[in-house]
Structure formats: C-alpha cells, structure tokens
Amino acid sequence: MTIPTRPDDSMQCLFSALEPVGSEIKVIPRKRMSWEYKGKPQLYLFMEGEISLVRVTDGLVVASAYDPHIFGLGEAIQPKRYHILRVEKKSRILAVDVENALKIFDEQNLWRDVSTTLAYFNAYLVYRDEMVLQQRTYSVIRSHLQEMIGLPLEARLNTSILDYIRLRTHLSRSSILNVIFVLKTEKHIEIKRGGFLVAINNLPEKI
C-alpha cells in the first residue's frame, strides 16, 4: 500500500489561476473553519503552516497538509459536509468564492486539472481507509509510522507518535505505546525524548 502521487502540475495550475483573486483570511490556531465565508461557499488555498482535514462525525484526522494545497473542490461540486478544516498553527490561507472559481475554470479550461486533483483526493481517502481499517493493530501503527517519517522534521518534532496516531485512528493509548516500546527496544525506530519520531531503521512486517 503506497500513498497516492500528488498531482503537483495540476494543483499548480489551479493555484496560479486562483491565487490572484484570493483574499487572505486570518484564522486562530486550533480553530475549525467553515466551508462558507461571509455567507458564500469558498475554496481555500492553503499556502503555508499546518492544516488538518477532520471527519465531522468523530473528529478523526483524515489528513494534514504542510505544503501548498487546495481545499473545497469536492464541496464546491457536491456540497456535502462530511469533513471540516482545522488550522493547527499560524498559517497563511486565501479564500476564493466558489462562484468566481468556477468561472475561472471555465474561462481557462482547467476542468482537467480539477478532475485530476479530485481523483487524487479520492484515492487518498481510499488509502486512509485502508490504513485505519486494517484489522491488525501493528499494521495500522506501522503504516502511520511510515507516513510520519515522510513529514517535515519540524512537524515530527511538534507531534508525538502517540498523539499523531491517536488523532487518526481509534486505537487505545496502551496498544500504541506497547508497540512503540517494542519497536524502540529492538532499535527499529529512533525516538527523541517526549515520544517524537527521529528515524526509522527498519520496520518488520510483524512483531
């Protein structure tokens, strides 16, 4: 199971088209964002910082973004509210009215890039489901450790392994810590004081 490939070229095309008409908004860290701004549906261009996509029903973190990203494409076309956005730390975010965005997509013939980006989002949700719904506790933890090591070092040193996995799964604190203890003891992973992931040396298929 591998993480879907991010369509950087298509996302950059959308960013280039939408950024000139975006309005920067101020959001307090840890605040949840609405898909509407001043009563109008929005797309959000996440420029820098950290933001998470959270499932409405149980607060499970579906994904976190640290690089430029675009949110709200699916909601613009099918306005369901299964997820919300939560800003994790000081971030730079631009809001774009959906009505204006759709006109730009038409005028600049960007629907192929929109479709490519939406296909990536859909594939990522399937990937996340596979990670979370695996039956074996170790397999779930192993997958999340592999995901964590791909994050920027700053992000890894700001979120402990325990917090990262608990926010994204329904695994108990004790089951996570037990596995992490074994992996650390057997030197499969390197952890900084406080439970922060520094390095992965080798993750066995099972323990």
N, C-alpha and C. Protein backbone atom coordinates (compact mmCIF):
# COMPACT_ATOMS: atom_id res chain seq x y z
N MET A 1 0.84 -1.18 0.00
CA MET A 1 0.00 0.00 0.00
C MET A 1 0.88 1.24 0.00
N THR A 2 0.77 2.06 -1.01
CA THR A 2 1.59 3.27 -1.12
C THR A 2 0.69 4.49 -1.21
N ILE A 3 1.19 5.59 -0.72
CA ILE A 3 0.43 6.83 -0.74
C ILE A 3 0.25 7.31 -2.19
N PRO A 4 -0.94 7.80 -2.55
CA PRO A 4 -1.17 8.27 -3.93
C PRO A 4 -0.20 9.41 -4.29
N THR A 5 0.13 9.48 -5.56
CA THR A 5 1.04 10.53 -6.05
C THR A 5 0.32 11.85 -6.17
N ARG A 6 0.84 12.84 -5.53
CA ARG A 6 0.24 14.18 -5.56
C ARG A 6 0.40 14.79 -6.96
N PRO A 7 -0.68 15.28 -7.59
CA PRO A 7 -0.59 15.85 -8.94
C PRO A 7 -0.12 17.30 -8.89
N ASP A 8 1.16 17.48 -8.66
CA ASP A 8 1.70 18.83 -8.44
C ASP A 8 1.45 19.77 -9.62
N ASP A 9 1.58 19.27 -10.85
CA ASP A 9 1.40 20.15 -12.01
C ASP A 9 -0.02 20.68 -12.09
N SER A 10 -1.00 19.81 -11.89
CA SER A 10 -2.40 20.23 -11.95
C SER A 10 -2.73 21.18 -10.81
N MET A 11 -2.22 20.87 -9.62
CA MET A 11 -2.50 21.74 -8.48
C MET A 11 -1.86 23.11 -8.67
N GLN A 12 -0.68 23.14 -9.27
CA GLN A 12 -0.02 24.41 -9.51
C GLN A 12 -0.80 25.25 -10.52
N CYS A 13 -1.38 24.60 -11.52
CA CYS A 13 -2.21 25.32 -12.49
C CYS A 13 -3.41 25.98 -11.80
N LEU A 14 -4.02 25.24 -10.89
CA LEU A 14 -5.17 25.78 -10.17
C LEU A 14 -4.74 26.92 -9.25
N PHE A 15 -3.61 26.75 -8.58
CA PHE A 15 -3.10 27.81 -7.72
C PHE A 15 -2.82 29.07 -8.51
N SER A 16 -2.16 28.93 -9.65
CA SER A 16 -1.80 30.09 -10.46
C SER A 16 -3.03 30.86 -10.93
N ALA A 17 -4.10 30.12 -11.21
CA ALA A 17 -5.32 30.76 -11.69
C ALA A 17 -6.12 31.42 -10.56
N LEU A 18 -6.10 30.81 -9.38
CA LEU A 18 -6.96 31.27 -8.29
C LEU A 18 -6.29 32.25 -7.33
N GLU A 19 -4.98 32.14 -7.18
CA GLU A 19 -4.29 32.99 -6.21
C GLU A 19 -4.51 34.49 -6.43
N PRO A 20 -4.52 34.97 -7.69
CA PRO A 20 -4.72 36.42 -7.90
C PRO A 20 -6.07 36.94 -7.40
N VAL A 21 -7.09 36.06 -7.31
CA VAL A 21 -8.41 36.52 -6.87
C VAL A 21 -8.70 36.09 -5.43
N GLY A 22 -7.71 35.49 -4.76
CA GLY A 22 -7.91 35.05 -3.38
C GLY A 22 -7.75 36.19 -2.39
N SER A 23 -8.46 36.07 -1.29
CA SER A 23 -8.37 37.06 -0.21
C SER A 23 -7.80 36.37 1.03
N GLU A 24 -6.73 36.93 1.57
CA GLU A 24 -6.12 36.31 2.74
C GLU A 24 -7.03 36.45 3.96
N ILE A 25 -7.18 35.36 4.69
CA ILE A 25 -8.02 35.37 5.88
C ILE A 25 -7.18 35.03 7.10
N LYS A 26 -7.59 35.53 8.24
CA LYS A 26 -6.89 35.25 9.48
C LYS A 26 -7.69 34.21 10.27
N VAL A 27 -7.00 33.14 10.65
CA VAL A 27 -7.65 32.08 11.41
C VAL A 27 -6.80 31.76 12.63
N ILE A 28 -7.43 31.73 13.79
CA ILE A 28 -6.72 31.43 15.03
C ILE A 28 -6.34 29.95 15.07
N PRO A 29 -5.10 29.62 15.43
CA PRO A 29 -4.70 28.21 15.54
C PRO A 29 -5.65 27.40 16.40
N ARG A 30 -5.91 26.17 15.95
CA ARG A 30 -6.83 25.20 16.55
C ARG A 30 -8.29 25.54 16.28
N LYS A 31 -8.54 26.55 15.48
CA LYS A 31 -9.91 26.92 15.14
C LYS A 31 -10.39 26.13 13.93
N ARG A 32 -11.65 25.70 13.99
CA ARG A 32 -12.25 25.00 12.87
C ARG A 32 -12.81 26.01 11.87
N MET A 33 -12.69 25.70 10.60
CA MET A 33 -13.12 26.61 9.55
C MET A 33 -14.40 26.12 8.89
N SER A 34 -15.24 27.05 8.54
CA SER A 34 -16.46 26.74 7.81
C SER A 34 -16.15 26.71 6.32
N TRP A 35 -16.97 25.95 5.57
CA TRP A 35 -16.80 25.93 4.12
C TRP A 35 -17.40 27.17 3.47
N GLU A 36 -17.97 28.04 4.29
CA GLU A 36 -18.52 29.30 3.79
C GLU A 36 -17.83 30.46 4.49
N TYR A 37 -17.73 31.56 3.77
CA TYR A 37 -17.12 32.77 4.31
C TYR A 37 -18.00 33.94 3.91
N LYS A 38 -18.50 34.64 4.91
CA LYS A 38 -19.44 35.74 4.68
C LYS A 38 -20.64 35.28 3.87
N GLY A 39 -21.08 34.05 4.17
CA GLY A 39 -22.31 33.53 3.55
C GLY A 39 -22.14 32.92 2.17
N LYS A 40 -20.90 32.89 1.65
CA LYS A 40 -20.67 32.35 0.32
C LYS A 40 -19.74 31.13 0.38
N PRO A 41 -20.06 30.07 -0.39
CA PRO A 41 -19.18 28.89 -0.43
C PRO A 41 -17.78 29.28 -0.91
N GLN A 42 -16.77 28.64 -0.32
CA GLN A 42 -15.39 29.01 -0.60
C GLN A 42 -14.52 27.83 -1.01
N LEU A 43 -13.49 28.14 -1.78
CA LEU A 43 -12.33 27.28 -1.92
C LEU A 43 -11.25 27.91 -1.04
N TYR A 44 -10.41 27.08 -0.46
CA TYR A 44 -9.33 27.62 0.37
C TYR A 44 -7.99 27.20 -0.20
N LEU A 45 -7.14 28.19 -0.45
CA LEU A 45 -5.78 27.94 -0.89
C LEU A 45 -4.88 28.00 0.34
N PHE A 46 -4.41 26.84 0.76
CA PHE A 46 -3.52 26.77 1.91
C PHE A 46 -2.10 27.00 1.40
N MET A 47 -1.46 28.06 1.88
CA MET A 47 -0.16 28.46 1.37
C MET A 47 1.00 27.97 2.23
N GLU A 48 0.87 28.10 3.54
CA GLU A 48 1.93 27.65 4.44
C GLU A 48 1.39 27.52 5.85
N GLY A 49 2.09 26.70 6.66
CA GLY A 49 1.65 26.45 8.02
C GLY A 49 1.29 24.99 8.21
N GLU A 50 0.18 24.74 8.86
CA GLU A 50 -0.31 23.36 9.05
C GLU A 50 -1.82 23.39 9.20
N ILE A 51 -2.49 22.54 8.44
CA ILE A 51 -3.94 22.48 8.49
C ILE A 51 -4.37 21.02 8.36
N SER A 52 -5.44 20.64 9.06
CA SER A 52 -5.91 19.26 9.04
C SER A 52 -7.33 19.17 8.51
N LEU A 53 -7.60 18.07 7.82
CA LEU A 53 -8.95 17.74 7.38
C LEU A 53 -9.50 16.76 8.41
N VAL A 54 -10.61 17.13 9.05
CA VAL A 54 -11.15 16.37 10.17
C VAL A 54 -12.54 15.84 9.84
N ARG A 55 -12.79 14.58 10.17
CA ARG A 55 -14.11 13.98 9.92
C ARG A 55 -15.12 14.53 10.91
N VAL A 56 -16.27 14.98 10.41
CA VAL A 56 -17.26 15.64 11.25
C VAL A 56 -17.81 14.70 12.32
N THR A 57 -18.07 13.44 11.97
CA THR A 57 -18.78 12.53 12.86
C THR A 57 -18.03 12.23 14.15
N ASP A 58 -16.70 12.11 14.09
CA ASP A 58 -15.97 11.70 15.28
C ASP A 58 -14.67 12.46 15.54
N GLY A 59 -14.38 13.48 14.73
CA GLY A 59 -13.18 14.28 14.94
C GLY A 59 -11.89 13.61 14.52
N LEU A 60 -11.99 12.50 13.77
CA LEU A 60 -10.79 11.79 13.31
C LEU A 60 -10.07 12.62 12.27
N VAL A 61 -8.75 12.76 12.42
CA VAL A 61 -7.95 13.49 11.43
C VAL A 61 -7.75 12.61 10.20
N VAL A 62 -8.26 13.05 9.07
CA VAL A 62 -8.14 12.29 7.82
C VAL A 62 -6.82 12.57 7.14
N ALA A 63 -6.39 13.82 7.17
CA ALA A 63 -5.13 14.21 6.53
C ALA A 63 -4.67 15.55 7.09
N SER A 64 -3.37 15.78 7.02
CA SER A 64 -2.81 17.07 7.41
C SER A 64 -1.93 17.57 6.27
N ALA A 65 -1.99 18.86 6.03
CA ALA A 65 -1.20 19.45 4.94
C ALA A 65 -0.16 20.40 5.52
N TYR A 66 1.04 20.33 4.94
CA TYR A 66 2.13 21.21 5.33
C TYR A 66 2.64 21.98 4.12
N ASP A 67 2.37 21.46 2.93
CA ASP A 67 2.74 22.11 1.68
C ASP A 67 1.51 22.77 1.07
N PRO A 68 1.69 23.69 0.12
CA PRO A 68 0.54 24.34 -0.53
C PRO A 68 -0.50 23.32 -1.00
N HIS A 69 -1.75 23.62 -0.74
CA HIS A 69 -2.83 22.68 -1.01
C HIS A 69 -4.10 23.46 -1.31
N ILE A 70 -5.03 22.81 -1.97
CA ILE A 70 -6.32 23.44 -2.26
C ILE A 70 -7.43 22.60 -1.65
N PHE A 71 -8.31 23.24 -0.91
CA PHE A 71 -9.41 22.55 -0.24
C PHE A 71 -10.75 23.12 -0.70
N GLY A 72 -11.74 22.23 -0.81
CA GLY A 72 -13.09 22.68 -1.12
C GLY A 72 -13.57 22.37 -2.52
N LEU A 73 -12.74 21.74 -3.34
CA LEU A 73 -13.16 21.43 -4.71
C LEU A 73 -14.36 20.48 -4.70
N GLY A 74 -14.26 19.43 -3.91
CA GLY A 74 -15.37 18.47 -3.84
C GLY A 74 -16.62 19.11 -3.30
N GLU A 75 -16.47 19.92 -2.26
CA GLU A 75 -17.62 20.59 -1.64
C GLU A 75 -18.25 21.61 -2.59
N ALA A 76 -17.45 22.18 -3.49
CA ALA A 76 -17.99 23.14 -4.45
C ALA A 76 -18.92 22.46 -5.45
N ILE A 77 -18.60 21.21 -5.79
CA ILE A 77 -19.39 20.49 -6.79
C ILE A 77 -20.50 19.68 -6.14
N GLN A 78 -20.22 19.08 -5.01
CA GLN A 78 -21.20 18.29 -4.27
C GLN A 78 -21.17 18.79 -2.83
N PRO A 79 -22.03 19.75 -2.51
CA PRO A 79 -21.92 20.45 -1.22
C PRO A 79 -22.36 19.64 0.00
N LYS A 80 -21.66 18.55 0.26
CA LYS A 80 -21.88 17.79 1.48
C LYS A 80 -20.81 18.20 2.49
N ARG A 81 -21.10 17.98 3.75
CA ARG A 81 -20.19 18.45 4.79
C ARG A 81 -19.74 17.28 5.67
N TYR A 82 -19.00 16.36 5.06
CA TYR A 82 -18.52 15.21 5.81
C TYR A 82 -17.24 15.53 6.59
N HIS A 83 -16.53 16.57 6.15
CA HIS A 83 -15.27 16.95 6.77
C HIS A 83 -15.24 18.45 7.02
N ILE A 84 -14.41 18.85 7.95
CA ILE A 84 -14.15 20.27 8.19
C ILE A 84 -12.65 20.49 8.22
N LEU A 85 -12.25 21.74 8.16
CA LEU A 85 -10.83 22.09 8.23
C LEU A 85 -10.51 22.64 9.61
N ARG A 86 -9.34 22.30 10.10
CA ARG A 86 -8.88 22.84 11.38
C ARG A 86 -7.44 23.32 11.22
N VAL A 87 -7.22 24.58 11.52
CA VAL A 87 -5.88 25.16 11.43
C VAL A 87 -5.11 24.77 12.69
N GLU A 88 -3.96 24.12 12.51
CA GLU A 88 -3.20 23.61 13.65
C GLU A 88 -2.22 24.63 14.22
N LYS A 89 -1.70 25.51 13.38
CA LYS A 89 -0.79 26.55 13.86
C LYS A 89 -0.91 27.74 12.91
N LYS A 90 -0.21 28.80 13.21
CA LYS A 90 -0.29 30.00 12.39
C LYS A 90 -0.04 29.64 10.93
N SER A 91 -1.00 30.00 10.08
CA SER A 91 -0.94 29.61 8.67
C SER A 91 -1.37 30.77 7.78
N ARG A 92 -0.98 30.65 6.53
CA ARG A 92 -1.42 31.62 5.52
C ARG A 92 -2.41 30.94 4.60
N ILE A 93 -3.63 31.48 4.56
CA ILE A 93 -4.72 30.86 3.80
C ILE A 93 -5.45 31.93 2.99
N LEU A 94 -5.74 31.62 1.74
CA LEU A 94 -6.51 32.51 0.89
C LEU A 94 -7.88 31.89 0.64
N ALA A 95 -8.91 32.73 0.67
CA ALA A 95 -10.27 32.28 0.37
C ALA A 95 -10.66 32.77 -1.02
N VAL A 96 -11.31 31.90 -1.78
CA VAL A 96 -11.78 32.24 -3.13
C VAL A 96 -13.24 31.84 -3.22
N ASP A 97 -14.11 32.77 -3.60
CA ASP A 97 -15.52 32.45 -3.79
C ASP A 97 -15.67 31.34 -4.82
N VAL A 98 -16.46 30.34 -4.50
CA VAL A 98 -16.68 29.23 -5.43
C VAL A 98 -17.22 29.74 -6.76
N GLU A 99 -18.12 30.68 -6.72
CA GLU A 99 -18.70 31.22 -7.96
C GLU A 99 -17.62 31.78 -8.88
N ASN A 100 -16.69 32.53 -8.31
CA ASN A 100 -15.59 33.08 -9.10
C ASN A 100 -14.67 31.98 -9.61
N ALA A 101 -14.42 30.98 -8.75
CA ALA A 101 -13.53 29.88 -9.12
C ALA A 101 -14.09 29.10 -10.30
N LEU A 102 -15.37 28.80 -10.27
CA LEU A 102 -15.99 28.04 -11.35
C LEU A 102 -15.91 28.79 -12.68
N LYS A 103 -16.07 30.11 -12.64
CA LYS A 103 -15.95 30.91 -13.85
C LYS A 103 -14.52 30.84 -14.40
N ILE A 104 -13.55 30.89 -13.52
CA ILE A 104 -12.15 30.81 -13.94
C ILE A 104 -11.85 29.44 -14.55
N PHE A 105 -12.39 28.39 -13.96
CA PHE A 105 -12.19 27.04 -14.50
C PHE A 105 -12.73 26.95 -15.92
N ASP A 106 -13.89 27.58 -16.15
CA ASP A 106 -14.49 27.59 -17.49
C ASP A 106 -13.64 28.40 -18.46
N GLU A 107 -13.29 29.60 -18.04
CA GLU A 107 -12.58 30.52 -18.93
C GLU A 107 -11.19 30.02 -19.30
N GLN A 108 -10.51 29.36 -18.36
CA GLN A 108 -9.14 28.92 -18.60
C GLN A 108 -9.03 27.43 -18.90
N ASN A 109 -10.19 26.81 -19.10
CA ASN A 109 -10.21 25.38 -19.47
C ASN A 109 -9.40 24.53 -18.48
N LEU A 110 -9.75 24.66 -17.20
CA LEU A 110 -8.99 23.99 -16.14
C LEU A 110 -9.69 22.75 -15.57
N TRP A 111 -10.75 22.32 -16.22
CA TRP A 111 -11.51 21.21 -15.64
C TRP A 111 -10.73 19.90 -15.61
N ARG A 112 -9.81 19.72 -16.54
CA ARG A 112 -8.99 18.51 -16.48
C ARG A 112 -8.12 18.52 -15.23
N ASP A 113 -7.57 19.68 -14.90
CA ASP A 113 -6.75 19.79 -13.69
C ASP A 113 -7.61 19.63 -12.44
N VAL A 114 -8.83 20.13 -12.48
CA VAL A 114 -9.76 19.94 -11.36
C VAL A 114 -10.04 18.46 -11.18
N SER A 115 -10.32 17.75 -12.29
CA SER A 115 -10.63 16.32 -12.22
C SER A 115 -9.43 15.51 -11.70
N THR A 116 -8.25 15.86 -12.17
CA THR A 116 -7.04 15.17 -11.72
C THR A 116 -6.83 15.35 -10.22
N THR A 117 -7.05 16.56 -9.74
CA THR A 117 -6.90 16.85 -8.32
C THR A 117 -7.94 16.13 -7.49
N LEU A 118 -9.20 16.11 -7.97
CA LEU A 118 -10.25 15.40 -7.25
C LEU A 118 -9.99 13.89 -7.22
N ALA A 119 -9.45 13.35 -8.32
CA ALA A 119 -9.12 11.92 -8.36
C ALA A 119 -8.05 11.60 -7.31
N TYR A 120 -7.10 12.51 -7.13
CA TYR A 120 -6.07 12.33 -6.10
C TYR A 120 -6.69 12.33 -4.71
N PHE A 121 -7.60 13.28 -4.46
CA PHE A 121 -8.27 13.34 -3.15
C PHE A 121 -9.03 12.04 -2.88
N ASN A 122 -9.73 11.54 -3.90
CA ASN A 122 -10.50 10.31 -3.74
C ASN A 122 -9.58 9.13 -3.44
N ALA A 123 -8.47 9.05 -4.17
CA ALA A 123 -7.50 7.96 -3.95
C ALA A 123 -6.90 8.05 -2.56
N TYR A 124 -6.69 9.28 -2.08
CA TYR A 124 -6.11 9.45 -0.75
C TYR A 124 -7.07 8.98 0.33
N LEU A 125 -8.36 9.26 0.15
CA LEU A 125 -9.36 8.80 1.12
C LEU A 125 -9.40 7.28 1.18
N VAL A 126 -9.29 6.63 0.02
CA VAL A 126 -9.26 5.17 -0.02
C VAL A 126 -8.00 4.67 0.71
N TYR A 127 -6.88 5.33 0.45
CA TYR A 127 -5.62 4.97 1.10
C TYR A 127 -5.74 5.09 2.62
N ARG A 128 -6.37 6.18 3.09
CA ARG A 128 -6.54 6.37 4.53
C ARG A 128 -7.44 5.29 5.12
N ASP A 129 -8.50 4.94 4.41
CA ASP A 129 -9.39 3.88 4.89
C ASP A 129 -8.64 2.57 5.03
N GLU A 130 -7.79 2.28 4.07
CA GLU A 130 -7.01 1.04 4.13
C GLU A 130 -6.09 1.04 5.36
N MET A 131 -5.52 2.21 5.67
CA MET A 131 -4.65 2.32 6.83
C MET A 131 -5.40 2.12 8.13
N VAL A 132 -6.55 2.76 8.24
CA VAL A 132 -7.29 2.77 9.50
C VAL A 132 -8.08 1.49 9.72
N LEU A 133 -8.59 0.89 8.65
CA LEU A 133 -9.49 -0.25 8.78
C LEU A 133 -8.78 -1.60 8.78
N GLN A 134 -7.45 -1.59 8.72
CA GLN A 134 -6.73 -2.85 8.82
C GLN A 134 -7.05 -3.49 10.18
N GLN A 135 -7.15 -4.80 10.22
CA GLN A 135 -7.58 -5.46 11.45
C GLN A 135 -6.45 -5.55 12.48
N ARG A 136 -5.22 -5.70 12.05
CA ARG A 136 -4.12 -5.88 12.99
C ARG A 136 -3.61 -4.53 13.48
N THR A 137 -3.54 -4.40 14.81
CA THR A 137 -3.09 -3.16 15.42
C THR A 137 -1.71 -2.75 14.92
N TYR A 138 -0.80 -3.70 14.86
CA TYR A 138 0.56 -3.37 14.43
C TYR A 138 0.58 -2.84 13.00
N SER A 139 -0.20 -3.43 12.12
CA SER A 139 -0.23 -2.97 10.73
C SER A 139 -0.67 -1.51 10.63
N VAL A 140 -1.65 -1.14 11.44
CA VAL A 140 -2.13 0.25 11.45
C VAL A 140 -1.03 1.18 11.94
N ILE A 141 -0.38 0.80 13.03
CA ILE A 141 0.69 1.63 13.59
C ILE A 141 1.87 1.73 12.63
N ARG A 142 2.23 0.60 12.03
CA ARG A 142 3.34 0.59 11.08
C ARG A 142 3.09 1.54 9.91
N SER A 143 1.87 1.51 9.38
CA SER A 143 1.53 2.39 8.26
C SER A 143 1.63 3.85 8.65
N HIS A 144 1.21 4.18 9.85
CA HIS A 144 1.27 5.57 10.28
C HIS A 144 2.70 6.03 10.57
N LEU A 145 3.52 5.13 11.04
CA LEU A 145 4.93 5.47 11.23
C LEU A 145 5.60 5.76 9.88
N GLN A 146 5.25 4.96 8.88
CA GLN A 146 5.80 5.18 7.55
C GLN A 146 5.33 6.52 6.99
N GLU A 147 4.10 6.88 7.29
CA GLU A 147 3.58 8.18 6.86
C GLU A 147 4.29 9.30 7.61
N MET A 148 4.48 9.13 8.90
CA MET A 148 5.11 10.17 9.72
C MET A 148 6.52 10.51 9.24
N ILE A 149 7.30 9.49 8.90
CA ILE A 149 8.70 9.73 8.55
C ILE A 149 8.81 10.55 7.27
N GLY A 150 7.74 10.61 6.50
CA GLY A 150 7.73 11.42 5.29
C GLY A 150 7.37 12.87 5.53
N LEU A 151 7.01 13.21 6.77
CA LEU A 151 6.65 14.59 7.10
C LEU A 151 7.89 15.45 7.31
N PRO A 152 7.75 16.76 7.20
CA PRO A 152 8.88 17.64 7.52
C PRO A 152 9.34 17.40 8.96
N LEU A 153 10.64 17.52 9.20
CA LEU A 153 11.18 17.28 10.53
C LEU A 153 10.49 18.15 11.58
N GLU A 154 10.21 19.39 11.25
CA GLU A 154 9.56 20.30 12.20
C GLU A 154 8.21 19.74 12.64
N ALA A 155 7.47 19.18 11.70
CA ALA A 155 6.16 18.61 12.02
C ALA A 155 6.30 17.41 12.94
N ARG A 156 7.31 16.57 12.67
CA ARG A 156 7.52 15.38 13.51
C ARG A 156 7.93 15.74 14.93
N LEU A 157 8.67 16.83 15.07
CA LEU A 157 9.15 17.23 16.39
C LEU A 157 8.12 18.06 17.15
N ASN A 158 6.98 18.32 16.52
CA ASN A 158 5.90 19.05 17.18
C ASN A 158 4.74 18.15 17.57
N THR A 159 4.74 16.92 17.06
CA THR A 159 3.65 15.98 17.34
C THR A 159 4.23 14.63 17.71
N SER A 160 3.93 14.15 18.90
CA SER A 160 4.46 12.85 19.32
C SER A 160 3.82 11.73 18.50
N ILE A 161 4.49 10.59 18.47
CA ILE A 161 3.95 9.43 17.76
C ILE A 161 2.57 9.06 18.33
N LEU A 162 2.46 9.08 19.64
CA LEU A 162 1.19 8.72 20.28
C LEU A 162 0.07 9.64 19.83
N ASP A 163 0.30 10.96 19.90
CA ASP A 163 -0.74 11.92 19.51
C ASP A 163 -1.09 11.79 18.03
N TYR A 164 -0.07 11.61 17.20
CA TYR A 164 -0.30 11.51 15.75
C TYR A 164 -1.22 10.35 15.43
N ILE A 165 -0.95 9.19 16.02
CA ILE A 165 -1.73 8.00 15.70
C ILE A 165 -3.11 8.05 16.36
N ARG A 166 -3.19 8.55 17.58
CA ARG A 166 -4.49 8.60 18.26
C ARG A 166 -5.46 9.54 17.56
N LEU A 167 -4.95 10.63 16.98
CA LEU A 167 -5.81 11.57 16.27
C LEU A 167 -6.36 10.99 14.97
N ARG A 168 -5.69 9.96 14.45
CA ARG A 168 -6.04 9.42 13.14
C ARG A 168 -6.64 8.02 13.18
N THR A 169 -6.73 7.43 14.36
CA THR A 169 -7.29 6.09 14.50
C THR A 169 -8.11 6.02 15.79
N HIS A 170 -8.72 4.87 15.99
CA HIS A 170 -9.44 4.64 17.25
C HIS A 170 -8.67 3.67 18.15
N LEU A 171 -7.38 3.53 17.92
CA LEU A 171 -6.56 2.65 18.75
C LEU A 171 -6.39 3.24 20.14
N SER A 172 -6.30 2.38 21.15
CA SER A 172 -6.13 2.85 22.52
C SER A 172 -4.70 3.33 22.75
N ARG A 173 -4.56 4.15 23.75
CA ARG A 173 -3.24 4.67 24.15
C ARG A 173 -2.29 3.53 24.47
N SER A 174 -2.77 2.54 25.24
CA SER A 174 -1.90 1.44 25.67
C SER A 174 -1.44 0.58 24.51
N SER A 175 -2.33 0.31 23.55
CA SER A 175 -1.95 -0.54 22.42
C SER A 175 -0.89 0.13 21.56
N ILE A 176 -0.98 1.45 21.40
CA ILE A 176 0.02 2.19 20.63
C ILE A 176 1.36 2.19 21.36
N LEU A 177 1.32 2.51 22.65
CA LEU A 177 2.56 2.60 23.42
C LEU A 177 3.26 1.25 23.52
N ASN A 178 2.49 0.18 23.61
CA ASN A 178 3.10 -1.16 23.69
C ASN A 178 3.90 -1.47 22.43
N VAL A 179 3.33 -1.16 21.28
CA VAL A 179 4.02 -1.42 20.01
C VAL A 179 5.24 -0.51 19.87
N ILE A 180 5.09 0.77 20.22
CA ILE A 180 6.19 1.71 20.11
C ILE A 180 7.35 1.28 21.03
N PHE A 181 7.02 0.78 22.21
CA PHE A 181 8.05 0.32 23.14
C PHE A 181 8.86 -0.82 22.54
N VAL A 182 8.18 -1.78 21.92
CA VAL A 182 8.86 -2.91 21.31
C VAL A 182 9.76 -2.45 20.17
N LEU A 183 9.23 -1.58 19.32
CA LEU A 183 10.00 -1.10 18.17
C LEU A 183 11.22 -0.31 18.60
N LYS A 184 11.06 0.49 19.64
CA LYS A 184 12.19 1.28 20.16
C LYS A 184 13.22 0.35 20.80
N THR A 185 12.76 -0.59 21.61
CA THR A 185 13.67 -1.50 22.31
C THR A 185 14.50 -2.33 21.33
N GLU A 186 13.87 -2.74 20.26
CA GLU A 186 14.56 -3.56 19.26
C GLU A 186 15.26 -2.70 18.20
N LYS A 187 15.28 -1.38 18.44
CA LYS A 187 16.02 -0.42 17.60
C LYS A 187 15.51 -0.35 16.16
N HIS A 188 14.21 -0.62 16.00
CA HIS A 188 13.61 -0.47 14.67
C HIS A 188 13.34 1.01 14.38
N ILE A 189 13.14 1.78 15.46
CA ILE A 189 12.90 3.22 15.29
C ILE A 189 13.73 3.97 16.33
N GLU A 190 13.99 5.26 16.04
CA GLU A 190 14.69 6.13 16.97
C GLU A 190 13.73 7.22 17.41
N ILE A 191 13.65 7.41 18.70
CA ILE A 191 12.69 8.36 19.26
C ILE A 191 13.39 9.37 20.15
N LYS A 192 13.02 10.63 20.00
CA LYS A 192 13.52 11.68 20.86
C LYS A 192 12.69 11.73 22.13
N ARG A 193 13.27 12.19 23.21
CA ARG A 193 12.55 12.31 24.47
C ARG A 193 11.24 13.07 24.26
N GLY A 194 10.17 12.49 24.76
CA GLY A 194 8.85 13.07 24.55
C GLY A 194 8.05 12.26 23.54
N GLY A 195 8.70 11.27 22.94
CA GLY A 195 7.98 10.39 22.02
C GLY A 195 7.92 10.88 20.59
N PHE A 196 8.92 11.68 20.18
CA PHE A 196 8.95 12.22 18.82
C PHE A 196 9.79 11.33 17.91
N LEU A 197 9.27 11.06 16.72
CA LEU A 197 9.95 10.17 15.79
C LEU A 197 11.13 10.87 15.11
N VAL A 198 12.32 10.30 15.28
CA VAL A 198 13.52 10.87 14.68
C VAL A 198 13.91 10.12 13.42
N ALA A 199 13.86 8.77 13.49
CA ALA A 199 14.28 7.97 12.34
C ALA A 199 13.65 6.59 12.39
N ILE A 200 13.53 5.98 11.21
CA ILE A 200 13.12 4.59 11.10
C ILE A 200 14.29 3.82 10.52
N ASN A 201 14.75 2.82 11.24
CA ASN A 201 15.86 2.00 10.77
C ASN A 201 15.34 0.82 9.96
N ASN A 202 14.30 0.20 10.47
CA ASN A 202 13.73 -0.96 9.77
C ASN A 202 12.44 -1.32 10.48
N LEU A 203 11.34 -1.39 9.73
CA LEU A 203 10.06 -1.78 10.32
C LEU A 203 9.72 -3.19 9.84
N PRO A 204 9.70 -4.15 10.75
CA PRO A 204 9.36 -5.52 10.34
C PRO A 204 7.90 -5.61 9.90
N GLU A 205 7.59 -6.62 9.12
CA GLU A 205 6.21 -6.81 8.67
C GLU A 205 5.28 -7.12 9.83
N LYS A 206 5.82 -7.78 10.86
CA LYS A 206 5.02 -8.06 12.05
C LYS A 206 5.94 -8.21 13.25
N ILE A 207 5.36 -8.04 14.43
CA ILE A 207 6.13 -8.21 15.67
C ILE A 207 5.35 -9.14 16.60
